[in-house]
Amino acid sequence: MSKATDKLLGELHGRVAKSMLDALEASDQAQALLDEYGEELPNDVINYLSKSAGNNPALLTAVTKFLKDNSITCVIEDNSDMSELEERLQNKRNKKRIGNVIPMD
C-alpha cells in the first residue's frame, strides 16, 4: 500500500472544506427560497427545500470538528460583536473567581 503525498492530502483537505461550504450555502439558499416564495411553491417543492433548509445538526457537528481538527479559530479583534461577547464572558469569569468575596473600599 502506498502512502498519500502532502499534495494529495492537501487536495483532499481542500475538497472536504469546499464540500462543507457548499452544503452550508445550499442550506442557506433553500431557506431563502422558502422565506421568499414559500406561499407560492407547490407542497412537493416546499417539502424538498425544507429538508435542505435550516441547520443540519450532523453537518454543523462535522464542520465544527473539521475546524477544530485544523486549529481554525475566530480572531476576536476583527469582529466587534465577538469582542463584546468576549468582554461579557471575561466579566463573568472575573466574578466567578472572586466568589463570595465583596471588595471593600
PDB file of N, CA and C in Angstrom:
ATOM      1  N   MET A   1       0.847  -1.170   0.000  1.00  0.00           N
ATOM      2  CA  MET A   1       0.000   0.000   0.000  1.00  0.00           C
ATOM      3  C   MET A   1       0.895   1.237   0.000  1.00  0.00           C
ATOM      4  N   SER A   2       0.616   2.186  -0.879  1.00  0.00           N
ATOM      5  CA  SER A   2       1.429   3.399  -0.946  1.00  0.00           C
ATOM      6  C   SER A   2       0.887   4.461   0.001  1.00  0.00           C
ATOM      7  N   LYS A   3       1.767   5.339   0.405  1.00  0.00           N
ATOM      8  CA  LYS A   3       1.378   6.424   1.305  1.00  0.00           C
ATOM      9  C   LYS A   3       0.915   7.622   0.488  1.00  0.00           C
ATOM     10  N   ALA A   4      -0.007   8.379   1.062  1.00  0.00           N
ATOM     11  CA  ALA A   4      -0.509   9.592   0.407  1.00  0.00           C
ATOM     12  C   ALA A   4       0.540  10.692   0.500  1.00  0.00           C
ATOM     13  N   THR A   5       0.650  11.462  -0.546  1.00  0.00           N
ATOM     14  CA  THR A   5       1.584  12.588  -0.555  1.00  0.00           C
ATOM     15  C   THR A   5       0.943  13.810   0.095  1.00  0.00           C
ATOM     16  N   ASP A   6       1.778  14.777   0.458  1.00  0.00           N
ATOM     17  CA  ASP A   6       1.269  16.024   1.020  1.00  0.00           C
ATOM     18  C   ASP A   6       0.347  16.729   0.027  1.00  0.00           C
ATOM     19  N   LYS A   7       0.718  16.665  -1.236  1.00  0.00           N
ATOM     20  CA  LYS A   7      -0.099  17.307  -2.271  1.00  0.00           C
ATOM     21  C   LYS A   7      -1.487  16.664  -2.346  1.00  0.00           C
ATOM     22  N   LEU A   8      -1.515  15.344  -2.321  1.00  0.00           N
ATOM     23  CA  LEU A   8      -2.788  14.632  -2.388  1.00  0.00           C
ATOM     24  C   LEU A   8      -3.645  14.921  -1.150  1.00  0.00           C
ATOM     25  N   LEU A   9      -3.029  14.902   0.012  1.00  0.00           N
ATOM     26  CA  LEU A   9      -3.764  15.199   1.250  1.00  0.00           C
ATOM     27  C   LEU A   9      -4.255  16.637   1.262  1.00  0.00           C
ATOM     28  N   GLY A  10      -3.447  17.557   0.736  1.00  0.00           N
ATOM     29  CA  GLY A  10      -3.870  18.956   0.648  1.00  0.00           C
ATOM     30  C   GLY A  10      -5.073  19.112  -0.261  1.00  0.00           C
ATOM     31  N   GLU A  11      -5.054  18.403  -1.380  1.00  0.00           N
ATOM     32  CA  GLU A  11      -6.182  18.459  -2.310  1.00  0.00           C
ATOM     33  C   GLU A  11      -7.443  17.880  -1.661  1.00  0.00           C
ATOM     34  N   LEU A  12      -7.291  16.766  -0.970  1.00  0.00           N
ATOM     35  CA  LEU A  12      -8.426  16.149  -0.280  1.00  0.00           C
ATOM     36  C   LEU A  12      -8.983  17.089   0.782  1.00  0.00           C
ATOM     37  N   HIS A  13      -8.096  17.710   1.524  1.00  0.00           N
ATOM     38  CA  HIS A  13      -8.491  18.663   2.567  1.00  0.00           C
ATOM     39  C   HIS A  13      -9.297  19.812   1.955  1.00  0.00           C
ATOM     40  N   GLY A  14      -8.797  20.342   0.846  1.00  0.00           N
ATOM     41  CA  GLY A  14      -9.495  21.445   0.173  1.00  0.00           C
ATOM     42  C   GLY A  14     -10.872  21.031  -0.336  1.00  0.00           C
ATOM     43  N   ARG A  15     -10.967  19.836  -0.854  1.00  0.00           N
ATOM     44  CA  ARG A  15     -12.251  19.365  -1.377  1.00  0.00           C
ATOM     45  C   ARG A  15     -13.261  19.124  -0.261  1.00  0.00           C
ATOM     46  N   VAL A  16     -12.799  18.604   0.870  1.00  0.00           N
ATOM     47  CA  VAL A  16     -13.693  18.411   2.018  1.00  0.00           C
ATOM     48  C   VAL A  16     -14.200  19.769   2.502  1.00  0.00           C
ATOM     49  N   ALA A  17     -13.296  20.730   2.614  1.00  0.00           N
ATOM     50  CA  ALA A  17     -13.685  22.074   3.054  1.00  0.00           C
ATOM     51  C   ALA A  17     -14.686  22.691   2.087  1.00  0.00           C
ATOM     52  N   LYS A  18     -14.437  22.564   0.784  1.00  0.00           N
ATOM     53  CA  LYS A  18     -15.348  23.117  -0.220  1.00  0.00           C
ATOM     54  C   LYS A  18     -16.706  22.422  -0.171  1.00  0.00           C
ATOM     55  N   SER A  19     -16.724  21.117   0.011  1.00  0.00           N
ATOM     56  CA  SER A  19     -17.992  20.378   0.102  1.00  0.00           C
ATOM     57  C   SER A  19     -18.822  20.845   1.300  1.00  0.00           C
ATOM     58  N   MET A  20     -18.150  21.075   2.410  1.00  0.00           N
ATOM     59  CA  MET A  20     -18.851  21.553   3.601  1.00  0.00           C
ATOM     60  C   MET A  20     -19.411  22.946   3.365  1.00  0.00           C
ATOM     61  N   LEU A  21     -18.614  23.797   2.756  1.00  0.00           N
ATOM     62  CA  LEU A  21     -19.059  25.156   2.464  1.00  0.00           C
ATOM     63  C   LEU A  21     -20.246  25.136   1.491  1.00  0.00           C
ATOM     64  N   ASP A  22     -20.163  24.290   0.467  1.00  0.00           N
ATOM     65  CA  ASP A  22     -21.256  24.170  -0.499  1.00  0.00           C
ATOM     66  C   ASP A  22     -22.542  23.704   0.176  1.00  0.00           C
ATOM     67  N   ALA A  23     -22.422  22.746   1.093  1.00  0.00           N
ATOM     68  CA  ALA A  23     -23.600  22.240   1.803  1.00  0.00           C
ATOM     69  C   ALA A  23     -24.227  23.333   2.669  1.00  0.00           C
ATOM     70  N   LEU A  24     -23.399  24.120   3.332  1.00  0.00           N
ATOM     71  CA  LEU A  24     -23.923  25.219   4.148  1.00  0.00           C
ATOM     72  C   LEU A  24     -24.595  26.277   3.281  1.00  0.00           C
ATOM     73  N   GLU A  25     -23.985  26.594   2.144  1.00  0.00           N
ATOM     74  CA  GLU A  25     -24.567  27.586   1.232  1.00  0.00           C
ATOM     75  C   GLU A  25     -25.880  27.087   0.641  1.00  0.00           C
ATOM     76  N   ALA A  26     -25.955  25.794   0.299  1.00  0.00           N
ATOM     77  CA  ALA A  26     -27.191  25.220  -0.237  1.00  0.00           C
ATOM     78  C   ALA A  26     -28.302  25.295   0.801  1.00  0.00           C
ATOM     79  N   SER A  27     -27.955  25.068   2.056  1.00  0.00           N
ATOM     80  CA  SER A  27     -28.935  25.170   3.138  1.00  0.00           C
ATOM     81  C   SER A  27     -29.456  26.595   3.267  1.00  0.00           C
ATOM     82  N   ASP A  28     -28.546  27.562   3.183  1.00  0.00           N
ATOM     83  CA  ASP A  28     -28.940  28.974   3.256  1.00  0.00           C
ATOM     84  C   ASP A  28     -29.832  29.357   2.077  1.00  0.00           C
ATOM     85  N   GLN A  29     -29.481  28.878   0.888  1.00  0.00           N
ATOM     86  CA  GLN A  29     -30.272  29.189  -0.298  1.00  0.00           C
ATOM     87  C   GLN A  29     -31.667  28.567  -0.218  1.00  0.00           C
ATOM     88  N   ALA A  30     -31.742  27.338   0.267  1.00  0.00           N
ATOM     89  CA  ALA A  30     -33.044  26.682   0.416  1.00  0.00           C
ATOM     90  C   ALA A  30     -33.918  27.464   1.390  1.00  0.00           C
ATOM     91  N   GLN A  31     -33.334  27.920   2.490  1.00  0.00           N
ATOM     92  CA  GLN A  31     -34.089  28.698   3.472  1.00  0.00           C
ATOM     93  C   GLN A  31     -34.546  30.021   2.875  1.00  0.00           C
ATOM     94  N   ALA A  32     -33.681  30.670   2.107  1.00  0.00           N
ATOM     95  CA  ALA A  32     -34.033  31.942   1.464  1.00  0.00           C
ATOM     96  C   ALA A  32     -35.188  31.750   0.481  1.00  0.00           C
ATOM     97  N   LEU A  33     -35.153  30.666  -0.282  1.00  0.00           N
ATOM     98  CA  LEU A  33     -36.250  30.384  -1.212  1.00  0.00           C
ATOM     99  C   LEU A  33     -37.557  30.142  -0.476  1.00  0.00           C
ATOM    100  N   LEU A  34     -37.491  29.407   0.616  1.00  0.00           N
ATOM    101  CA  LEU A  34     -38.703  29.172   1.413  1.00  0.00           C
ATOM    102  C   LEU A  34     -39.246  30.472   1.990  1.00  0.00           C
ATOM    103  N   ASP A  35     -38.342  31.299   2.491  1.00  0.00           N
ATOM    104  CA  ASP A  35     -38.774  32.577   3.073  1.00  0.00           C
ATOM    105  C   ASP A  35     -39.404  33.487   2.022  1.00  0.00           C
ATOM    106  N   GLU A  36     -38.807  33.514   0.837  1.00  0.00           N
ATOM    107  CA  GLU A  36     -39.257  34.425  -0.212  1.00  0.00           C
ATOM    108  C   GLU A  36     -40.491  33.926  -0.958  1.00  0.00           C
ATOM    109  N   TYR A  37     -40.499  32.629  -1.287  1.00  0.00           N
ATOM    110  CA  TYR A  37     -41.548  32.105  -2.175  1.00  0.00           C
ATOM    111  C   TYR A  37     -42.366  30.976  -1.556  1.00  0.00           C
ATOM    112  N   GLY A  38     -42.215  30.748  -0.273  1.00  0.00           N
ATOM    113  CA  GLY A  38     -42.850  29.609   0.385  1.00  0.00           C
ATOM    114  C   GLY A  38     -44.341  29.463   0.137  1.00  0.00           C
ATOM    115  N   GLU A  39     -45.055  30.570   0.121  1.00  0.00           N
ATOM    116  CA  GLU A  39     -46.506  30.512  -0.056  1.00  0.00           C
ATOM    117  C   GLU A  39     -46.906  30.211  -1.498  1.00  0.00           C
ATOM    118  N   GLU A  40     -46.016  30.444  -2.437  1.00  0.00           N
ATOM    119  CA  GLU A  40     -46.319  30.255  -3.859  1.00  0.00           C
ATOM    120  C   GLU A  40     -45.885  28.890  -4.384  1.00  0.00           C
ATOM    121  N   LEU A  41     -45.050  28.185  -3.664  1.00  0.00           N
ATOM    122  CA  LEU A  41     -44.484  26.936  -4.153  1.00  0.00           C
ATOM    123  C   LEU A  41     -45.412  25.751  -3.908  1.00  0.00           C
ATOM    124  N   PRO A  42     -45.347  24.760  -4.790  1.00  0.00           N
ATOM    125  CA  PRO A  42     -46.111  23.526  -4.559  1.00  0.00           C
ATOM    126  C   PRO A  42     -45.581  22.794  -3.315  1.00  0.00           C
ATOM    127  N   ASN A  43     -46.420  22.002  -2.694  1.00  0.00           N
ATOM    128  CA  ASN A  43     -46.039  21.301  -1.463  1.00  0.00           C
ATOM    129  C   ASN A  43     -44.820  20.400  -1.646  1.00  0.00           C
ATOM    130  N   ASP A  44     -44.708  19.744  -2.797  1.00  0.00           N
ATOM    131  CA  ASP A  44     -43.551  18.874  -3.032  1.00  0.00           C
ATOM    132  C   ASP A  44     -42.250  19.667  -3.007  1.00  0.00           C
ATOM    133  N   VAL A  45     -42.273  20.851  -3.589  1.00  0.00           N
ATOM    134  CA  VAL A  45     -41.082  21.699  -3.606  1.00  0.00           C
ATOM    135  C   VAL A  45     -40.788  22.205  -2.198  1.00  0.00           C
ATOM    136  N   ILE A  46     -41.810  22.600  -1.477  1.00  0.00           N
ATOM    137  CA  ILE A  46     -41.634  23.059  -0.093  1.00  0.00           C
ATOM    138  C   ILE A  46     -41.024  21.949   0.755  1.00  0.00           C
ATOM    139  N   ASN A  47     -41.538  20.729   0.612  1.00  0.00           N
ATOM    140  CA  ASN A  47     -41.003  19.599   1.376  1.00  0.00           C
ATOM    141  C   ASN A  47     -39.542  19.333   1.035  1.00  0.00           C
ATOM    142  N   TYR A  48     -39.213  19.418  -0.247  1.00  0.00           N
ATOM    143  CA  TYR A  48     -37.832  19.193  -0.682  1.00  0.00           C
ATOM    144  C   TYR A  48     -36.897  20.257  -0.106  1.00  0.00           C
ATOM    145  N   LEU A  49     -37.306  21.517  -0.227  1.00  0.00           N
ATOM    146  CA  LEU A  49     -36.470  22.607   0.289  1.00  0.00           C
ATOM    147  C   LEU A  49     -36.352  22.551   1.808  1.00  0.00           C
ATOM    148  N   SER A  50     -37.422  22.138   2.467  1.00  0.00           N
ATOM    149  CA  SER A  50     -37.414  22.070   3.930  1.00  0.00           C
ATOM    150  C   SER A  50     -36.374  21.082   4.443  1.00  0.00           C
ATOM    151  N   LYS A  51     -36.134  20.015   3.677  1.00  0.00           N
ATOM    152  CA  LYS A  51     -35.130  19.024   4.082  1.00  0.00           C
ATOM    153  C   LYS A  51     -33.724  19.605   4.021  1.00  0.00           C
ATOM    154  N   SER A  52     -33.509  20.557   3.124  1.00  0.00           N
ATOM    155  CA  SER A  52     -32.185  21.168   2.967  1.00  0.00           C
ATOM    156  C   SER A  52     -32.013  22.424   3.798  1.00  0.00           C
ATOM    157  N   ALA A  53     -33.109  23.075   4.113  1.00  0.00           N
ATOM    158  CA  ALA A  53     -33.041  24.375   4.794  1.00  0.00           C
ATOM    159  C   ALA A  53     -32.745  24.212   6.281  1.00  0.00           C
ATOM    160  N   GLY A  54     -32.254  25.287   6.842  1.00  0.00           N
ATOM    161  CA  GLY A  54     -32.028  25.318   8.279  1.00  0.00           C
ATOM    162  C   GLY A  54     -30.716  24.676   8.669  1.00  0.00           C
ATOM    163  N   ASN A  55     -30.550  24.515   9.946  1.00  0.00           N
ATOM    164  CA  ASN A  55     -29.303  23.980  10.479  1.00  0.00           C
ATOM    165  C   ASN A  55     -29.379  22.472  10.597  1.00  0.00           C
ATOM    166  N   ASN A  56     -28.557  21.779   9.832  1.00  0.00           N
ATOM    167  CA  ASN A  56     -28.450  20.334   9.889  1.00  0.00           C
ATOM    168  C   ASN A  56     -27.444  19.999  10.989  1.00  0.00           C
ATOM    169  N   PRO A  57     -27.908  19.443  12.106  1.00  0.00           N
ATOM    170  CA  PRO A  57     -27.006  19.187  13.235  1.00  0.00           C
ATOM    171  C   PRO A  57     -25.797  18.322  12.864  1.00  0.00           C
ATOM    172  N   ALA A  58     -25.995  17.301  12.027  1.00  0.00           N
ATOM    173  CA  ALA A  58     -24.870  16.437  11.649  1.00  0.00           C
ATOM    174  C   ALA A  58     -23.833  17.218  10.847  1.00  0.00           C
ATOM    175  N   LEU A  59     -24.301  18.060   9.934  1.00  0.00           N
ATOM    176  CA  LEU A  59     -23.378  18.874   9.136  1.00  0.00           C
ATOM    177  C   LEU A  59     -22.635  19.870  10.017  1.00  0.00           C
ATOM    178  N   LEU A  60     -23.354  20.533  10.913  1.00  0.00           N
ATOM    179  CA  LEU A  60     -22.713  21.515  11.792  1.00  0.00           C
ATOM    180  C   LEU A  60     -21.687  20.847  12.711  1.00  0.00           C
ATOM    181  N   THR A  61     -21.990  19.641  13.170  1.00  0.00           N
ATOM    182  CA  THR A  61     -21.041  18.901  14.004  1.00  0.00           C
ATOM    183  C   THR A  61     -19.797  18.559  13.203  1.00  0.00           C
ATOM    184  N   ALA A  62     -19.979  18.100  11.961  1.00  0.00           N
ATOM    185  CA  ALA A  62     -18.840  17.760  11.107  1.00  0.00           C
ATOM    186  C   ALA A  62     -17.996  18.991  10.804  1.00  0.00           C
ATOM    187  N   VAL A  63     -18.638  20.117  10.515  1.00  0.00           N
ATOM    188  CA  VAL A  63     -17.908  21.349  10.221  1.00  0.00           C
ATOM    189  C   VAL A  63     -17.134  21.808  11.451  1.00  0.00           C
ATOM    190  N   THR A  64     -17.784  21.769  12.606  1.00  0.00           N
ATOM    191  CA  THR A  64     -17.130  22.177  13.850  1.00  0.00           C
ATOM    192  C   THR A  64     -15.910  21.306  14.133  1.00  0.00           C
ATOM    193  N   LYS A  65     -16.055  19.999  13.968  1.00  0.00           N
ATOM    194  CA  LYS A  65     -14.929  19.087  14.188  1.00  0.00           C
ATOM    195  C   LYS A  65     -13.813  19.357  13.179  1.00  0.00           C
ATOM    196  N   PHE A  66     -14.179  19.584  11.939  1.00  0.00           N
ATOM    197  CA  PHE A  66     -13.197  19.879  10.895  1.00  0.00           C
ATOM    198  C   PHE A  66     -12.400  21.133  11.253  1.00  0.00           C
ATOM    199  N   LEU A  67     -13.103  22.186  11.696  1.00  0.00           N
ATOM    200  CA  LEU A  67     -12.424  23.426  12.085  1.00  0.00           C
ATOM    201  C   LEU A  67     -11.514  23.199  13.286  1.00  0.00           C
ATOM    202  N   LYS A  68     -12.020  22.465  14.278  1.00  0.00           N
ATOM    203  CA  LYS A  68     -11.234  22.208  15.476  1.00  0.00           C
ATOM    204  C   LYS A  68      -9.996  21.370  15.155  1.00  0.00           C
ATOM    205  N   ASP A  69     -10.181  20.323  14.354  1.00  0.00           N
ATOM    206  CA  ASP A  69      -9.058  19.462  13.989  1.00  0.00           C
ATOM    207  C   ASP A  69      -7.979  20.210  13.221  1.00  0.00           C
ATOM    208  N   ASN A  70      -8.362  21.280  12.556  1.00  0.00           N
ATOM    209  CA  ASN A  70      -7.419  22.066  11.764  1.00  0.00           C
ATOM    210  C   ASN A  70      -7.014  23.363  12.465  1.00  0.00           C
ATOM    211  N   SER A  71      -7.348  23.462  13.751  1.00  0.00           N
ATOM    212  CA  SER A  71      -6.978  24.618  14.584  1.00  0.00           C
ATOM    213  C   SER A  71      -7.435  25.936  13.987  1.00  0.00           C
ATOM    214  N   ILE A  72      -8.650  25.958  13.448  1.00  0.00           N
ATOM    215  CA  ILE A  72      -9.222  27.175  12.893  1.00  0.00           C
ATOM    216  C   ILE A  72     -10.013  27.858  14.009  1.00  0.00           C
ATOM    217  N   THR A  73      -9.663  29.101  14.282  1.00  0.00           N
ATOM    218  CA  THR A  73     -10.339  29.842  15.344  1.00  0.00           C
ATOM    219  C   THR A  73     -10.752  31.216  14.840  1.00  0.00           C
ATOM    220  N   CYS A  74     -11.513  31.901  15.646  1.00  0.00           N
ATOM    221  CA  CYS A  74     -12.001  33.239  15.318  1.00  0.00           C
ATOM    222  C   CYS A  74     -11.029  34.271  15.881  1.00  0.00           C
ATOM    223  N   VAL A  75     -10.742  35.297  15.105  1.00  0.00           N
ATOM    224  CA  VAL A  75      -9.930  36.408  15.587  1.00  0.00           C
ATOM    225  C   VAL A  75     -10.898  37.447  16.123  1.00  0.00           C
ATOM    226  N   ILE A  76     -10.956  37.591  17.409  1.00  0.00           N
ATOM    227  CA  ILE A  76     -11.951  38.435  18.052  1.00  0.00           C
ATOM    228  C   ILE A  76     -11.755  39.913  17.734  1.00  0.00           C
ATOM    229  N   GLU A  77     -10.524  40.357  17.589  1.00  0.00           N
ATOM    230  CA  GLU A  77     -10.268  41.768  17.335  1.00  0.00           C
ATOM    231  C   GLU A  77     -10.923  42.250  16.040  1.00  0.00           C
ATOM    232  N   ASP A  78     -11.146  41.346  15.088  1.00  0.00           N
ATOM    233  CA  ASP A  78     -11.707  41.728  13.792  1.00  0.00           C
ATOM    234  C   ASP A  78     -13.224  41.797  13.793  1.00  0.00           C
ATOM    235  N   ASN A  79     -13.865  41.456  14.910  1.00  0.00           N
ATOM    236  CA  ASN A  79     -15.321  41.359  14.935  1.00  0.00           C
ATOM    237  C   ASN A  79     -15.843  42.025  16.204  1.00  0.00           C
ATOM    238  N   SER A  80     -16.514  43.177  16.062  1.00  0.00           N
ATOM    239  CA  SER A  80     -16.961  43.923  17.240  1.00  0.00           C
ATOM    240  C   SER A  80     -17.990  43.139  18.044  1.00  0.00           C
ATOM    241  N   ASP A  81     -18.851  42.340  17.376  1.00  0.00           N
ATOM    242  CA  ASP A  81     -19.825  41.531  18.109  1.00  0.00           C
ATOM    243  C   ASP A  81     -19.117  40.500  18.984  1.00  0.00           C
ATOM    244  N   MET A  82     -18.084  39.867  18.441  1.00  0.00           N
ATOM    245  CA  MET A  82     -17.344  38.884  19.212  1.00  0.00           C
ATOM    246  C   MET A  82     -16.558  39.554  20.330  1.00  0.00           C
ATOM    247  N   SER A  83     -16.055  40.768  20.087  1.00  0.00           N
ATOM    248  CA  SER A  83     -15.324  41.478  21.131  1.00  0.00           C
ATOM    249  C   SER A  83     -16.233  41.766  22.319  1.00  0.00           C
ATOM    250  N   GLU A  84     -17.459  42.163  22.025  1.00  0.00           N
ATOM    251  CA  GLU A  84     -18.421  42.432  23.099  1.00  0.00           C
ATOM    252  C   GLU A  84     -18.735  41.152  23.860  1.00  0.00           C
ATOM    253  N   LEU A  85     -18.914  40.055  23.138  1.00  0.00           N
ATOM    254  CA  LEU A  85     -19.186  38.775  23.769  1.00  0.00           C
ATOM    255  C   LEU A  85     -18.005  38.344  24.630  1.00  0.00           C
ATOM    256  N   GLU A  86     -16.796  38.495  24.110  1.00  0.00           N
ATOM    257  CA  GLU A  86     -15.608  38.136  24.869  1.00  0.00           C
ATOM    258  C   GLU A  86     -15.507  38.964  26.146  1.00  0.00           C
ATOM    259  N   GLU A  87     -15.831  40.241  26.054  1.00  0.00           N
ATOM    260  CA  GLU A  87     -15.784  41.113  27.234  1.00  0.00           C
ATOM    261  C   GLU A  87     -16.792  40.646  28.289  1.00  0.00           C
ATOM    262  N   ARG A  88     -17.986  40.309  27.847  1.00  0.00           N
ATOM    263  CA  ARG A  88     -19.014  39.831  28.783  1.00  0.00           C
ATOM    264  C   ARG A  88     -18.592  38.519  29.441  1.00  0.00           C
ATOM    265  N   LEU A  89     -17.987  37.619  28.647  1.00  0.00           N
ATOM    266  CA  LEU A  89     -17.513  36.359  29.207  1.00  0.00           C
ATOM    267  C   LEU A  89     -16.391  36.588  30.209  1.00  0.00           C
ATOM    268  N   GLN A  90     -15.488  37.505  29.884  1.00  0.00           N
ATOM    269  CA  GLN A  90     -14.385  37.808  30.801  1.00  0.00           C
ATOM    270  C   GLN A  90     -14.917  38.377  32.111  1.00  0.00           C
ATOM    271  N   ASN A  91     -15.920  39.252  32.043  1.00  0.00           N
ATOM    272  CA  ASN A  91     -16.526  39.800  33.258  1.00  0.00           C
ATOM    273  C   ASN A  91     -17.137  38.694  34.107  1.00  0.00           C
ATOM    274  N   LYS A  92     -17.796  37.725  33.452  1.00  0.00           N
ATOM    275  CA  LYS A  92     -18.381  36.599  34.195  1.00  0.00           C
ATOM    276  C   LYS A  92     -17.275  35.764  34.848  1.00  0.00           C
ATOM    277  N   ARG A  93     -16.185  35.544  34.111  1.00  0.00           N
ATOM    278  CA  ARG A  93     -15.080  34.770  34.671  1.00  0.00           C
ATOM    279  C   ARG A  93     -14.488  35.479  35.886  1.00  0.00           C
ATOM    280  N   ASN A  94     -14.329  36.804  35.792  1.00  0.00           N
ATOM    281  CA  ASN A  94     -13.769  37.563  36.905  1.00  0.00           C
ATOM    282  C   ASN A  94     -14.665  37.484  38.129  1.00  0.00           C
ATOM    283  N   LYS A  95     -15.969  37.578  37.921  1.00  0.00           N
ATOM    284  CA  LYS A  95     -16.904  37.482  39.047  1.00  0.00           C
ATOM    285  C   LYS A  95     -16.850  36.095  39.672  1.00  0.00           C
ATOM    286  N   LYS A  96     -16.669  35.074  38.831  1.00  0.00           N
ATOM    287  CA  LYS A  96     -16.625  33.705  39.320  1.00  0.00           C
ATOM    288  C   LYS A  96     -15.388  33.484  40.194  1.00  0.00           C
ATOM    289  N   ARG A  97     -14.265  34.082  39.806  1.00  0.00           N
ATOM    290  CA  ARG A  97     -13.028  33.934  40.559  1.00  0.00           C
ATOM    291  C   ARG A  97     -13.140  34.549  41.938  1.00  0.00           C
ATOM    292  N   ILE A  98     -13.860  35.650  42.029  1.00  0.00           N
ATOM    293  CA  ILE A  98     -13.996  36.360  43.307  1.00  0.00           C
ATOM    294  C   ILE A  98     -14.876  35.557  44.267  1.00  0.00           C
ATOM    295  N   GLY A  99     -15.913  34.896  43.726  1.00  0.00           N
ATOM    296  CA  GLY A  99     -16.803  34.101  44.565  1.00  0.00           C
ATOM    297  C   GLY A  99     -17.626  34.974  45.466  1.00  0.00           C
ATOM    298  N   ASN A 100     -17.616  34.664  46.756  1.00  0.00           N
ATOM    299  CA  ASN A 100     -18.430  35.400  47.725  1.00  0.00           C
ATOM    300  C   ASN A 100     -17.690  36.576  48.351  1.00  0.00           C
ATOM    301  N   VAL A 101     -16.506  36.873  47.909  1.00  0.00           N
ATOM    302  CA  VAL A 101     -15.726  37.973  48.469  1.00  0.00           C
ATOM    303  C   VAL A 101     -16.274  39.291  47.931  1.00  0.00           C
ATOM    304  N   ILE A 102     -16.536  40.227  48.850  1.00  0.00           N
ATOM    305  CA  ILE A 102     -17.021  41.544  48.466  1.00  0.00           C
ATOM    306  C   ILE A 102     -15.877  42.530  48.653  1.00  0.00           C
ATOM    307  N   PRO A 103     -15.500  43.231  47.575  1.00  0.00           N
ATOM    308  CA  PRO A 103     -14.390  44.182  47.703  1.00  0.00           C
ATOM    309  C   PRO A 103     -14.762  45.336  48.642  1.00  0.00           C
ATOM    310  N   MET A 104     -13.814  45.765  49.454  1.00  0.00           N
ATOM    311  CA  MET A 104     -14.038  46.866  50.380  1.00  0.00           C
ATOM    312  C   MET A 104     -13.208  48.061  49.933  1.00  0.00           C
ATOM    313  N   ASP A 105     -13.784  49.214  49.977  1.00  0.00           N
ATOM    314  CA  ASP A 105     -13.065  50.430  49.602  1.00  0.00           C
ATOM    315  C   ASP A 105     -12.343  51.013  50.769  1.00  0.00           C
TER     316      ASP A 105
END
